PDB file of N, CA and C in Angstrom:
ATOM      1  N   MET A   1      18.549  -5.646  34.804  1.00  0.00           N
ATOM      2  CA  MET A   1      20.178  -5.716  34.752  1.00  0.00           C
ATOM      3  C   MET A   1      20.699  -4.402  34.646  1.00  0.00           C
ATOM      4  N   ARG A   2      21.480  -3.813  35.680  1.00  0.00           N
ATOM      5  CA  ARG A   2      22.007  -2.585  35.412  1.00  0.00           C
ATOM      6  C   ARG A   2      23.561  -2.569  35.641  1.00  0.00           C
ATOM      7  N   TYR A   3      24.220  -2.124  34.681  1.00  0.00           N
ATOM      8  CA  TYR A   3      25.812  -2.155  34.627  1.00  0.00           C
ATOM      9  C   TYR A   3      26.319  -0.686  35.080  1.00  0.00           C
ATOM     10  N   LEU A   4      25.354   0.240  35.024  1.00  0.00           N
ATOM     11  CA  LEU A   4      25.890   1.541  35.186  1.00  0.00           C
ATOM     12  C   LEU A   4      26.938   1.966  36.358  1.00  0.00           C
ATOM     13  N   ASN A   5      26.744   1.150  37.250  1.00  0.00           N
ATOM     14  CA  ASN A   5      27.516   1.390  38.580  1.00  0.00           C
ATOM     15  C   ASN A   5      28.968   0.515  38.419  1.00  0.00           C
ATOM     16  N   SER A   6      29.153   0.001  37.328  1.00  0.00           N
ATOM     17  CA  SER A   6      30.301  -0.871  37.211  1.00  0.00           C
ATOM     18  C   SER A   6      31.729  -0.020  37.156  1.00  0.00           C
ATOM     19  N   GLY A   7      32.245   0.099  38.254  1.00  0.00           N
ATOM     20  CA  GLY A   7      33.499   1.110  38.089  1.00  0.00           C
ATOM     21  C   GLY A   7      34.705   0.635  37.258  1.00  0.00           C
ATOM     22  N   ILE A   8      34.657  -0.686  37.155  1.00  0.00           N
ATOM     23  CA  ILE A   8      35.861  -1.159  36.183  1.00  0.00           C
ATOM     24  C   ILE A   8      35.435  -0.721  34.696  1.00  0.00           C
ATOM     25  N   PHE A   9      34.206  -0.867  34.313  1.00  0.00           N
ATOM     26  CA  PHE A   9      33.937  -0.461  32.921  1.00  0.00           C
ATOM     27  C   PHE A   9      34.061   0.933  32.787  1.00  0.00           C
ATOM     28  N   GLN A  10      33.601   1.859  33.613  1.00  0.00           N
ATOM     29  CA  GLN A  10      33.777   3.263  33.490  1.00  0.00           C
ATOM     30  C   GLN A  10      35.201   3.771  33.560  1.00  0.00           C
ATOM     31  N   HIS A  11      35.942   2.893  34.392  1.00  0.00           N
ATOM     32  CA  HIS A  11      37.300   3.442  34.626  1.00  0.00           C
ATOM     33  C   HIS A  11      38.026   2.969  33.230  1.00  0.00           C
ATOM     34  N   GLU A  12      37.866   1.790  32.763  1.00  0.00           N
ATOM     35  CA  GLU A  12      38.600   1.423  31.580  1.00  0.00           C
ATOM     36  C   GLU A  12      37.972   2.233  30.389  1.00  0.00           C
ATOM     37  N   VAL A  13      36.988   2.748  30.254  1.00  0.00           N
ATOM     38  CA  VAL A  13      36.570   3.599  29.137  1.00  0.00           C
ATOM     39  C   VAL A  13      37.078   5.033  29.278  1.00  0.00           C
ATOM     40  N   LEU A  14      36.911   5.607  30.443  1.00  0.00           N
ATOM     41  CA  LEU A  14      37.524   6.793  30.708  1.00  0.00           C
ATOM     42  C   LEU A  14      39.015   6.769  30.345  1.00  0.00           C
ATOM     43  N   GLU A  15      39.692   5.958  30.781  1.00  0.00           N
ATOM     44  CA  GLU A  15      41.253   5.947  30.681  1.00  0.00           C
ATOM     45  C   GLU A  15      41.515   5.704  28.953  1.00  0.00           C
ATOM     46  N   TYR A  16      40.584   4.932  28.543  1.00  0.00           N
ATOM     47  CA  TYR A  16      40.865   4.812  26.942  1.00  0.00           C
ATOM     48  C   TYR A  16      40.599   6.035  26.244  1.00  0.00           C
ATOM     49  N   VAL A  17      39.521   6.856  26.710  1.00  0.00           N
ATOM     50  CA  VAL A  17      39.093   8.148  26.027  1.00  0.00           C
ATOM     51  C   VAL A  17      40.133   9.121  26.322  1.00  0.00           C
ATOM     52  N   LYS A  18      40.585   9.243  27.518  1.00  0.00           N
ATOM     53  CA  LYS A  18      41.607  10.229  27.907  1.00  0.00           C
ATOM     54  C   LYS A  18      42.913  10.117  27.010  1.00  0.00           C
ATOM     55  N   GLY A  19      43.204   8.791  26.763  1.00  0.00           N
ATOM     56  CA  GLY A  19      44.335   8.606  25.855  1.00  0.00           C
ATOM     57  C   GLY A  19      44.316   8.924  24.439  1.00  0.00           C
ATOM     58  N   ASN A  20      43.049   9.059  24.100  1.00  0.00           N
ATOM     59  CA  ASN A  20      42.680   9.112  22.521  1.00  0.00           C
ATOM     60  C   ASN A  20      42.182  10.318  22.203  1.00  0.00           C
ATOM     61  N   ASN A  21      42.964  11.090  21.215  1.00  0.00           N
ATOM     62  CA  ASN A  21      42.659  12.431  20.768  1.00  0.00           C
ATOM     63  C   ASN A  21      41.270  12.521  19.997  1.00  0.00           C
ATOM     64  N   ASP A  22      41.009  11.413  19.406  1.00  0.00           N
ATOM     65  CA  ASP A  22      39.812  11.377  18.470  1.00  0.00           C
ATOM     66  C   ASP A  22      38.520  11.433  19.151  1.00  0.00           C
ATOM     67  N   VAL A  23      38.496  11.338  20.342  1.00  0.00           N
ATOM     68  CA  VAL A  23      37.127  11.051  21.114  1.00  0.00           C
ATOM     69  C   VAL A  23      37.016  12.477  22.158  1.00  0.00           C
ATOM     70  N   GLN A  24      36.014  13.015  22.164  1.00  0.00           N
ATOM     71  CA  GLN A  24      35.703  14.031  23.387  1.00  0.00           C
ATOM     72  C   GLN A  24      35.967  13.633  24.773  1.00  0.00           C
ATOM     73  N   LYS A  25      36.480  14.254  25.494  1.00  0.00           N
ATOM     74  CA  LYS A  25      36.546  13.732  26.859  1.00  0.00           C
ATOM     75  C   LYS A  25      35.309  13.451  27.465  1.00  0.00           C
ATOM     76  N   ASP A  26      34.114  14.140  27.081  1.00  0.00           N
ATOM     77  CA  ASP A  26      32.871  13.862  27.914  1.00  0.00           C
ATOM     78  C   ASP A  26      31.873  12.835  27.016  1.00  0.00           C
ATOM     79  N   VAL A  27      32.684  11.872  26.305  1.00  0.00           N
ATOM     80  CA  VAL A  27      31.750  10.986  25.636  1.00  0.00           C
ATOM     81  C   VAL A  27      30.917  10.266  26.263  1.00  0.00           C
ATOM     82  N   LEU A  28      31.171   9.832  27.573  1.00  0.00           N
ATOM     83  CA  LEU A  28      30.300   9.237  28.457  1.00  0.00           C
ATOM     84  C   LEU A  28      29.064   9.872  28.769  1.00  0.00           C
ATOM     85  N   LYS A  29      29.247  11.221  28.759  1.00  0.00           N
ATOM     86  CA  LYS A  29      28.088  12.131  29.188  1.00  0.00           C
ATOM     87  C   LYS A  29      27.175  12.010  28.008  1.00  0.00           C
ATOM     88  N   GLU A  30      27.631  11.841  26.791  1.00  0.00           N
ATOM     89  CA  GLU A  30      26.794  11.954  25.612  1.00  0.00           C
ATOM     90  C   GLU A  30      25.908  10.642  25.353  1.00  0.00           C
ATOM     91  N   LEU A  31      26.471   9.455  25.897  1.00  0.00           N
ATOM     92  CA  LEU A  31      25.816   8.319  25.779  1.00  0.00           C
ATOM     93  C   LEU A  31      24.604   8.244  26.701  1.00  0.00           C
ATOM     94  N   SER A  32      23.559   7.494  26.072  1.00  0.00           N
ATOM     95  CA  SER A  32      22.269   7.319  26.882  1.00  0.00           C
ATOM     96  C   SER A  32      22.411   6.239  27.758  1.00  0.00           C
ATOM     97  N   GLU A  33      21.564   5.971  28.739  1.00  0.00           N
ATOM     98  CA  GLU A  33      21.769   5.137  29.928  1.00  0.00           C
ATOM     99  C   GLU A  33      21.878   3.468  29.039  1.00  0.00           C
ATOM    100  N   ARG A  34      20.913   3.467  28.031  1.00  0.00           N
ATOM    101  CA  ARG A  34      20.820   2.100  27.361  1.00  0.00           C
ATOM    102  C   ARG A  34      22.085   1.933  26.619  1.00  0.00           C
ATOM    103  N   GLN A  35      22.666   2.946  26.067  1.00  0.00           N
ATOM    104  CA  GLN A  35      23.998   2.741  25.375  1.00  0.00           C
ATOM    105  C   GLN A  35      25.124   2.460  26.346  1.00  0.00           C
ATOM    106  N   VAL A  36      25.172   2.871  27.440  1.00  0.00           N
ATOM    107  CA  VAL A  36      26.192   2.606  28.448  1.00  0.00           C
ATOM    108  C   VAL A  36      26.077   1.176  28.970  1.00  0.00           C
ATOM    109  N   VAL A  37      24.778   0.671  29.031  1.00  0.00           N
ATOM    110  CA  VAL A  37      24.557  -0.692  29.234  1.00  0.00           C
ATOM    111  C   VAL A  37      24.964  -1.717  28.202  1.00  0.00           C
ATOM    112  N   ILE A  38      24.650  -1.270  26.946  1.00  0.00           N
ATOM    113  CA  ILE A  38      25.047  -2.114  25.892  1.00  0.00           C
ATOM    114  C   ILE A  38      26.513  -2.175  25.871  1.00  0.00           C
ATOM    115  N   LEU A  39      27.294  -1.071  25.991  1.00  0.00           N
ATOM    116  CA  LEU A  39      28.799  -1.057  25.934  1.00  0.00           C
ATOM    117  C   LEU A  39      29.201  -2.046  27.110  1.00  0.00           C
ATOM    118  N   GLU A  40      28.613  -1.832  28.239  1.00  0.00           N
ATOM    119  CA  GLU A  40      29.216  -2.588  29.433  1.00  0.00           C
ATOM    120  C   GLU A  40      28.870  -4.238  29.242  1.00  0.00           C
ATOM    121  N   MET A  41      27.662  -4.509  28.336  1.00  0.00           N
ATOM    122  CA  MET A  41      27.349  -5.904  28.174  1.00  0.00           C
ATOM    123  C   MET A  41      28.551  -6.302  27.273  1.00  0.00           C
ATOM    124  N   ILE A  42      28.933  -5.638  26.214  1.00  0.00           N
ATOM    125  CA  ILE A  42      29.876  -5.978  25.229  1.00  0.00           C
ATOM    126  C   ILE A  42      31.185  -6.099  26.066  1.00  0.00           C
ATOM    127  N   TYR A  43      31.431  -5.146  26.965  1.00  0.00           N
ATOM    128  CA  TYR A  43      32.763  -5.217  27.619  1.00  0.00           C
ATOM    129  C   TYR A  43      32.928  -6.453  28.530  1.00  0.00           C
ATOM    130  N   THR A  44      31.910  -6.824  29.277  1.00  0.00           N
ATOM    131  CA  THR A  44      31.743  -7.953  30.129  1.00  0.00           C
ATOM    132  C   THR A  44      31.590  -9.370  29.350  1.00  0.00           C
ATOM    133  N   SER A  45      30.763  -9.360  28.383  1.00  0.00           N
ATOM    134  CA  SER A  45      30.564 -10.645  27.759  1.00  0.00           C
ATOM    135  C   SER A  45      30.786 -10.365  25.982  1.00  0.00           C
ATOM    136  N   PRO A  46      31.941 -10.238  25.802  1.00  0.00           N
ATOM    137  CA  PRO A  46      32.120  -9.887  24.257  1.00  0.00           C
ATOM    138  C   PRO A  46      31.556 -10.925  23.315  1.00  0.00           C
ATOM    139  N   GLU A  47      31.246 -12.199  23.838  1.00  0.00           N
ATOM    140  CA  GLU A  47      30.753 -13.159  22.818  1.00  0.00           C
ATOM    141  C   GLU A  47      29.209 -13.125  22.751  1.00  0.00           C
ATOM    142  N   ALA A  48      28.555 -12.182  23.394  1.00  0.00           N
ATOM    143  CA  ALA A  48      27.121 -12.140  23.368  1.00  0.00           C
ATOM    144  C   ALA A  48      26.646 -11.792  21.948  1.00  0.00           C
ATOM    145  N   THR A  49      25.435 -12.375  21.593  1.00  0.00           N
ATOM    146  CA  THR A  49      24.969 -11.985  20.204  1.00  0.00           C
ATOM    147  C   THR A  49      24.019 -10.886  20.401  1.00  0.00           C
ATOM    148  N   LEU A  50      23.569 -10.180  19.258  1.00  0.00           N
ATOM    149  CA  LEU A  50      22.867  -9.138  19.231  1.00  0.00           C
ATOM    150  C   LEU A  50      21.387  -9.590  19.741  1.00  0.00           C
ATOM    151  N   ILE A  51      21.012 -10.772  19.532  1.00  0.00           N
ATOM    152  CA  ILE A  51      19.712 -11.286  19.964  1.00  0.00           C
ATOM    153  C   ILE A  51      19.666 -11.560  21.542  1.00  0.00           C
ATOM    154  N   GLU A  52      20.777 -11.899  21.924  1.00  0.00           N
ATOM    155  CA  GLU A  52      20.890 -12.042  23.449  1.00  0.00           C
ATOM    156  C   GLU A  52      20.874 -10.642  24.166  1.00  0.00           C
ATOM    157  N   MET A  53      21.483  -9.754  23.501  1.00  0.00           N
ATOM    158  CA  MET A  53      21.315  -8.329  24.218  1.00  0.00           C
ATOM    159  C   MET A  53      20.090  -7.907  24.140  1.00  0.00           C
ATOM    160  N   SER A  54      19.358  -8.094  23.054  1.00  0.00           N
ATOM    161  CA  SER A  54      18.029  -7.591  22.897  1.00  0.00           C
ATOM    162  C   SER A  54      17.101  -8.107  23.938  1.00  0.00           C
ATOM    163  N   ARG A  55      17.269  -9.482  24.140  1.00  0.00           N
ATOM    164  CA  ARG A  55      16.389 -10.172  25.149  1.00  0.00           C
ATOM    165  C   ARG A  55      16.786  -9.662  26.499  1.00  0.00           C
ATOM    166  N   LYS A  56      17.949  -9.614  26.992  1.00  0.00           N
ATOM    167  CA  LYS A  56      18.334  -9.012  28.112  1.00  0.00           C
ATOM    168  C   LYS A  56      17.631  -7.612  28.434  1.00  0.00           C
ATOM    169  N   LEU A  57      17.782  -6.844  27.485  1.00  0.00           N
ATOM    170  CA  LEU A  57      17.375  -5.446  27.725  1.00  0.00           C
ATOM    171  C   LEU A  57      15.829  -5.248  27.399  1.00  0.00           C
ATOM    172  N   LYS A  58      15.230  -6.314  26.875  1.00  0.00           N
ATOM    173  CA  LYS A  58      13.771  -6.308  26.643  1.00  0.00           C
ATOM    174  C   LYS A  58      13.403  -5.279  25.434  1.00  0.00           C
ATOM    175  N   VAL A  59      14.164  -5.273  24.458  1.00  0.00           N
ATOM    176  CA  VAL A  59      13.983  -4.373  23.391  1.00  0.00           C
ATOM    177  C   VAL A  59      14.163  -5.175  22.046  1.00  0.00           C
ATOM    178  N   SER A  60      13.896  -4.516  20.905  1.00  0.00           N
ATOM    179  CA  SER A  60      13.954  -5.444  19.756  1.00  0.00           C
ATOM    180  C   SER A  60      15.464  -5.409  19.216  1.00  0.00           C
ATOM    181  N   ASP A  61      15.627  -6.262  18.230  1.00  0.00           N
ATOM    182  CA  ASP A  61      16.961  -6.271  17.630  1.00  0.00           C
ATOM    183  C   ASP A  61      17.230  -4.891  16.977  1.00  0.00           C
ATOM    184  N   LYS A  62      16.193  -4.294  16.138  1.00  0.00           N
ATOM    185  CA  LYS A  62      16.269  -3.053  15.598  1.00  0.00           C
ATOM    186  C   LYS A  62      16.672  -2.010  16.565  1.00  0.00           C
ATOM    187  N   THR A  63      16.261  -1.965  17.673  1.00  0.00           N
ATOM    188  CA  THR A  63      16.514  -1.041  18.667  1.00  0.00           C
ATOM    189  C   THR A  63      18.065  -1.085  19.041  1.00  0.00           C
ATOM    190  N   ILE A  64      18.573  -2.298  19.251  1.00  0.00           N
ATOM    191  CA  ILE A  64      20.000  -2.454  19.552  1.00  0.00           C
ATOM    192  C   ILE A  64      20.822  -1.965  18.414  1.00  0.00           C
ATOM    193  N   GLN A  65      20.430  -2.329  17.088  1.00  0.00           N
ATOM    194  CA  GLN A  65      21.065  -1.736  16.047  1.00  0.00           C
ATOM    195  C   GLN A  65      21.072  -0.267  15.855  1.00  0.00           C
ATOM    196  N   ARG A  66      19.981   0.445  16.144  1.00  0.00           N
ATOM    197  CA  ARG A  66      19.934   1.899  16.181  1.00  0.00           C
ATOM    198  C   ARG A  66      20.892   2.306  17.303  1.00  0.00           C
ATOM    199  N   GLU A  67      20.898   1.853  18.530  1.00  0.00           N
ATOM    200  CA  GLU A  67      21.828   2.254  19.503  1.00  0.00           C
ATOM    201  C   GLU A  67      23.247   2.216  19.079  1.00  0.00           C
ATOM    202  N   PHE A  68      23.690   1.074  18.341  1.00  0.00           N
ATOM    203  CA  PHE A  68      25.087   0.799  17.809  1.00  0.00           C
ATOM    204  C   PHE A  68      25.265   2.030  16.793  1.00  0.00           C
ATOM    205  N   THR A  69      24.423   2.324  16.096  1.00  0.00           N
ATOM    206  CA  THR A  69      24.651   3.493  15.022  1.00  0.00           C
ATOM    207  C   THR A  69      24.973   4.812  15.817  1.00  0.00           C
ATOM    208  N   ALA A  70      24.133   5.069  16.891  1.00  0.00           N
ATOM    209  CA  ALA A  70      24.342   6.257  17.690  1.00  0.00           C
ATOM    210  C   ALA A  70      25.608   6.296  18.470  1.00  0.00           C
ATOM    211  N   ILE A  71      26.125   5.010  18.908  1.00  0.00           N
ATOM    212  CA  ILE A  71      27.139   4.917  19.598  1.00  0.00           C
ATOM    213  C   ILE A  71      28.315   5.140  18.708  1.00  0.00           C
ATOM    214  N   ARG A  72      28.282   4.728  17.389  1.00  0.00           N
ATOM    215  CA  ARG A  72      29.309   4.746  16.401  1.00  0.00           C
ATOM    216  C   ARG A  72      29.405   6.329  16.055  1.00  0.00           C
ATOM    217  N   LYS A  73      28.295   7.135  15.980  1.00  0.00           N
ATOM    218  CA  LYS A  73      28.488   8.488  15.727  1.00  0.00           C
ATOM    219  C   LYS A  73      29.360   9.382  16.712  1.00  0.00           C
ATOM    220  N   LEU A  74      29.413   8.807  17.831  1.00  0.00           N
ATOM    221  CA  LEU A  74      30.298   9.554  18.916  1.00  0.00           C
ATOM    222  C   LEU A  74      31.637   9.157  18.885  1.00  0.00           C
ATOM    223  N   GLY A  75      31.942   8.099  18.022  1.00  0.00           N
ATOM    224  CA  GLY A  75      33.406   7.853  17.896  1.00  0.00           C
ATOM    225  C   GLY A  75      33.749   6.469  18.358  1.00  0.00           C
ATOM    226  N   ILE A  76      32.738   5.780  18.943  1.00  0.00           N
ATOM    227  CA  ILE A  76      33.137   4.338  19.548  1.00  0.00           C
ATOM    228  C   ILE A  76      32.577   3.406  18.486  1.00  0.00           C
ATOM    229  N   ASN A  77      33.576   2.712  17.942  1.00  0.00           N
ATOM    230  CA  ASN A  77      33.171   1.572  16.871  1.00  0.00           C
ATOM    231  C   ASN A  77      33.141   0.362  17.541  1.00  0.00           C
ATOM    232  N   ILE A  78      31.978  -0.302  17.175  1.00  0.00           N
ATOM    233  CA  ILE A  78      31.574  -1.570  17.680  1.00  0.00           C
ATOM    234  C   ILE A  78      31.618  -2.600  16.706  1.00  0.00           C
ATOM    235  N   GLU A  79      32.579  -3.606  16.557  1.00  0.00           N
ATOM    236  CA  GLU A  79      32.655  -4.666  15.445  1.00  0.00           C
ATOM    237  C   GLU A  79      32.420  -5.937  15.935  1.00  0.00           C
ATOM    238  N   ARG A  80      31.907  -6.902  15.127  1.00  0.00           N
ATOM    239  CA  ARG A  80      31.808  -8.237  15.416  1.00  0.00           C
ATOM    240  C   ARG A  80      32.937  -8.875  14.489  1.00  0.00           C
ATOM    241  N   GLN A  81      33.735  -9.417  15.234  1.00  0.00           N
ATOM    242  CA  GLN A  81      34.762 -10.306  14.554  1.00  0.00           C
ATOM    243  C   GLN A  81      34.620 -11.812  14.647  1.00  0.00           C
ATOM    244  N   ASN A  82      34.962 -12.560  13.548  1.00  0.00           N
ATOM    245  CA  ASN A  82      34.698 -13.897  13.376  1.00  0.00           C
ATOM    246  C   ASN A  82      33.255 -14.452  13.413  1.00  0.00           C
ATOM    247  N   GLY A  83      32.483 -13.638  12.787  1.00  0.00           N
ATOM    248  CA  GLY A  83      31.147 -14.250  12.655  1.00  0.00           C
ATOM    249  C   GLY A  83      30.201 -14.148  13.636  1.00  0.00           C
ATOM    250  N   ARG A  84      28.851 -14.268  13.501  1.00  0.00           N
ATOM    251  CA  ARG A  84      27.727 -14.328  14.346  1.00  0.00           C
ATOM    252  C   ARG A  84      27.736 -15.429  15.498  1.00  0.00           C
ATOM    253  N   LYS A  85      27.930 -16.591  15.151  1.00  0.00           N
ATOM    254  CA  LYS A  85      27.896 -17.620  16.082  1.00  0.00           C
ATOM    255  C   LYS A  85      29.224 -17.676  16.935  1.00  0.00           C
ATOM    256  N   GLU A  86      30.261 -17.713  16.422  1.00  0.00           N
ATOM    257  CA  GLU A  86      31.381 -17.998  17.223  1.00  0.00           C
ATOM    258  C   GLU A  86      32.334 -16.673  17.405  1.00  0.00           C
ATOM    259  N   GLY A  87      31.834 -15.522  16.934  1.00  0.00           N
ATOM    260  CA  GLY A  87      32.539 -14.326  16.965  1.00  0.00           C
ATOM    261  C   GLY A  87      32.408 -13.712  18.550  1.00  0.00           C
ATOM    262  N   LYS A  88      33.021 -12.475  18.424  1.00  0.00           N
ATOM    263  CA  LYS A  88      32.889 -11.765  19.633  1.00  0.00           C
ATOM    264  C   LYS A  88      32.982 -10.268  19.253  1.00  0.00           C
ATOM    265  N   TRP A  89      32.535  -9.290  20.009  1.00  0.00           N
ATOM    266  CA  TRP A  89      32.416  -7.986  19.884  1.00  0.00           C
ATOM    267  C   TRP A  89      33.774  -7.241  20.423  1.00  0.00           C
ATOM    268  N   VAL A  90      34.106  -6.345  19.410  1.00  0.00           N
ATOM    269  CA  VAL A  90      35.397  -5.450  19.916  1.00  0.00           C
ATOM    270  C   VAL A  90      35.020  -4.120  19.765  1.00  0.00           C
ATOM    271  N   ILE A  91      35.337  -3.210  21.051  1.00  0.00           N
ATOM    272  CA  ILE A  91      35.092  -1.882  20.989  1.00  0.00           C
ATOM    273  C   ILE A  91      36.327  -1.123  20.666  1.00  0.00           C
ATOM    274  N   LYS A  92      36.370  -0.175  19.685  1.00  0.00           N
ATOM    275  CA  LYS A  92      37.353   0.586  19.171  1.00  0.00           C
ATOM    276  C   LYS A  92      36.890   2.150  19.484  1.00  0.00           C
ATOM    277  N   ILE A  93      37.785   2.777  20.140  1.00  0.00           N
ATOM    278  CA  ILE A  93      37.540   4.231  20.205  1.00  0.00           C
ATOM    279  C   ILE A  93      38.203   4.983  19.104  1.00  0.00           C
ATOM    280  N   GLY A  94      37.451   5.909  18.629  1.00  0.00           N
ATOM    281  CA  GLY A  94      38.067   6.716  17.503  1.00  0.00           C
ATOM    282  C   GLY A  94      37.354   6.206  16.347  1.00  0.00           C
ATOM    283  N   LYS A  95      37.305   7.347  15.250  1.00  0.00           N
ATOM    284  CA  LYS A  95      36.460   7.120  14.088  1.00  0.00           C
ATOM    285  C   LYS A  95      37.325   6.518  12.978  1.00  0.00           C
TER     286      LYS A  95
END
């Protein structure tokens, strides 16, 4: 599963970053391929669970958590709202 060519995602994120002074303009360049895929999965399926993401990417839950930490260090905050079962992921740009 590759989402990297998703013009919609990249366009939305680039527009969001351009309008936000808290994030460097080249934040997408600093993201690894896996991190971009994770953000695209969240963007296209915000209700997906951490376990579903790890299964789709064929990595451990811990790996996804480490990637979340690295993404957050770049100023992209990923939060789960309304719990694990019925919640959804929300991406917020800026620290």
